[in-house]
C-alpha atoms as a PDB file:
ATOM      1  CA  MET A   1      -4.605 -27.135  -9.917  1.00  0.00           C
ATOM      2  CA  PRO A   2      -4.438 -23.363 -10.621  1.00  0.00           C
ATOM      3  CA  ARG A   3      -2.494 -21.197  -8.208  1.00  0.00           C
ATOM      4  CA  PRO A   4      -4.505 -18.709  -6.139  1.00  0.00           C
ATOM      5  CA  LYS A   5      -4.798 -15.170  -7.476  1.00  0.00           C
ATOM      6  CA  SER A   6      -4.221 -12.046  -5.413  1.00  0.00           C
ATOM      7  CA  PHE A   7      -5.912  -8.655  -5.394  1.00  0.00           C
ATOM      8  CA  LEU A   8      -2.656  -7.203  -4.081  1.00  0.00           C
ATOM      9  CA  LYS A   9      -0.508  -6.429  -7.042  1.00  0.00           C
ATOM     10  CA  LYS A  10       2.965  -4.963  -6.824  1.00  0.00           C
ATOM     11  CA  VAL A  11       3.219  -3.637  -3.269  1.00  0.00           C
ATOM     12  CA  SER A  12       6.385  -3.828  -1.180  1.00  0.00           C
ATOM     13  CA  VAL A  13       8.296  -2.205   1.662  1.00  0.00           C
ATOM     14  CA  ASP A  14      11.704  -0.674   1.051  1.00  0.00           C
ATOM     15  CA  MET A  15      14.005   2.075   2.322  1.00  0.00           C
ATOM     16  CA  THR A  16      14.314   5.585   0.935  1.00  0.00           C
ATOM     17  CA  LEU A  17      17.584   6.386  -0.790  1.00  0.00           C
ATOM     18  CA  LYS A  18      17.048  10.154  -0.553  1.00  0.00           C
ATOM     19  CA  SER A  19      14.590  12.493   1.153  1.00  0.00           C
ATOM     20  CA  HIS A  20      11.261  13.130  -0.578  1.00  0.00           C
ATOM     21  CA  LYS A  21       7.574  13.753   0.119  1.00  0.00           C
ATOM     22  CA  CYS A  22       4.878  11.125   0.682  1.00  0.00           C
ATOM     23  CA  GLN A  23       2.622  10.868  -2.360  1.00  0.00           C
ATOM     24  CA  HIS A  24      -0.543  10.784  -0.259  1.00  0.00           C
ATOM     25  CA  VAL A  25       0.058  13.741   2.076  1.00  0.00           C
ATOM     26  CA  LYS A  26       2.628  16.154   0.675  1.00  0.00           C
ATOM     27  CA  THR A  27       3.501  17.561   4.123  1.00  0.00           C
ATOM     28  CA  HIS A  28       4.806  14.134   5.233  1.00  0.00           C
ATOM     29  CA  ILE A  29       8.537  13.978   4.583  1.00  0.00           C
ATOM     30  CA  LEU A  30      10.413  10.715   4.087  1.00  0.00           C
ATOM     31  CA  ASN A  31      14.050  11.069   5.127  1.00  0.00           C
ATOM     32  CA  GLN A  32      16.942   9.030   3.756  1.00  0.00           C
ATOM     33  CA  GLY A  33      16.876   5.541   5.303  1.00  0.00           C
ATOM     34  CA  ASP A  34      13.180   5.630   6.349  1.00  0.00           C
ATOM     35  CA  LYS A  35      10.903   2.681   5.589  1.00  0.00           C
ATOM     36  CA  ARG A  36       8.180   3.325   3.044  1.00  0.00           C
ATOM     37  CA  MET A  37       5.486   1.443   1.144  1.00  0.00           C
ATOM     38  CA  LYS A  38       6.159   1.197  -2.575  1.00  0.00           C
ATOM     39  CA  LEU A  39       3.259   0.672  -4.972  1.00  0.00           C
ATOM     40  CA  THR A  40       4.059  -0.099  -8.599  1.00  0.00           C
ATOM     41  CA  VAL A  41       1.489   1.298 -11.034  1.00  0.00           C
ATOM     42  CA  GLY A  42       2.342   0.423 -14.593  1.00  0.00           C
ATOM     43  CA  ARG A  43       5.895   1.657 -15.097  1.00  0.00           C
ATOM     44  CA  THR A  44       5.877   4.160 -12.234  1.00  0.00           C
ATOM     45  CA  HIS A  45       6.215   3.845  -8.471  1.00  0.00           C
ATOM     46  CA  GLU A  46       4.241   5.603  -5.762  1.00  0.00           C
ATOM     47  CA  HIS A  47       5.818   5.920  -2.313  1.00  0.00           C
ATOM     48  CA  PHE A  48       3.956   6.351   0.980  1.00  0.00           C
ATOM     49  CA  CYS A  49       5.163   7.106   4.510  1.00  0.00           C
ATOM     50  CA  ILE A  50       4.443   4.592   7.264  1.00  0.00           C
ATOM     51  CA  GLU A  51       1.556   6.638   8.698  1.00  0.00           C
ATOM     52  CA  CYS A  52      -0.267   6.878   5.365  1.00  0.00           C
ATOM     53  CA  ALA A  53       0.554   3.283   4.418  1.00  0.00           C
ATOM     54  CA  ILE A  54      -1.007   1.959   7.657  1.00  0.00           C
ATOM     55  CA  LYS A  55      -4.188   3.992   7.026  1.00  0.00           C
ATOM     56  CA  ILE A  56      -4.409   2.708   3.439  1.00  0.00           C
ATOM     57  CA  ILE A  57      -3.813  -0.907   4.536  1.00  0.00           C
ATOM     58  CA  ASP A  58      -6.433  -0.668   7.315  1.00  0.00           C
ATOM     59  CA  SER A  59      -8.955   0.791   4.865  1.00  0.00           C
ATOM     60  CA  ASP A  60      -8.278  -1.981   2.336  1.00  0.00           C
ATOM     61  CA  ILE A  61      -8.606  -4.669   5.016  1.00  0.00           C
ATOM     62  CA  ALA A  62     -12.030  -3.288   5.951  1.00  0.00           C
ATOM     63  CA  LYS A  63     -13.109  -3.285   2.280  1.00  0.00           C
ATOM     64  CA  LEU A  64     -11.897  -6.872   1.778  1.00  0.00           C
ATOM     65  CA  LYS A  65     -13.707  -8.046   4.932  1.00  0.00           C
ATOM     66  CA  ALA A  66     -16.938  -6.413   3.687  1.00  0.00           C
ATOM     67  CA  LEU A  67     -16.551  -8.135   0.308  1.00  0.00           C
ATOM     68  CA  ARG A  68     -15.925 -11.462   2.046  1.00  0.00           C
ATOM     69  CA  GLU A  69     -19.049 -11.042   4.180  1.00  0.00           C
ATOM     70  CA  ALA A  70     -21.118 -10.115   1.106  1.00  0.00           C
ATOM     71  CA  LEU A  71     -19.996 -13.318  -0.612  1.00  0.00           C
ATOM     72  CA  LEU A  72     -20.714 -15.503   2.420  1.00  0.00           C
ATOM     73  CA  SER A  73     -24.092 -14.009   3.346  1.00  0.00           C
ATOM     74  CA  GLU A  74     -27.266 -15.402   1.897  1.00  0.00           C
END
């Protein structure tokens, strides 16, 4: 039996090693030791602060629920 696929590719949570800016909103600063969401795109990584990550996750959940409803509706 084939294993289930996922639309979520390489996404994880890690800690910052040094201070830097969020890649979604440049005014959001990630300080050393803060949690962040790490998205791997090809060979590069994009890092997002908690506030932006939660907004992105909530938006994606809404999109996935709409897709699910579209598949289930007649």
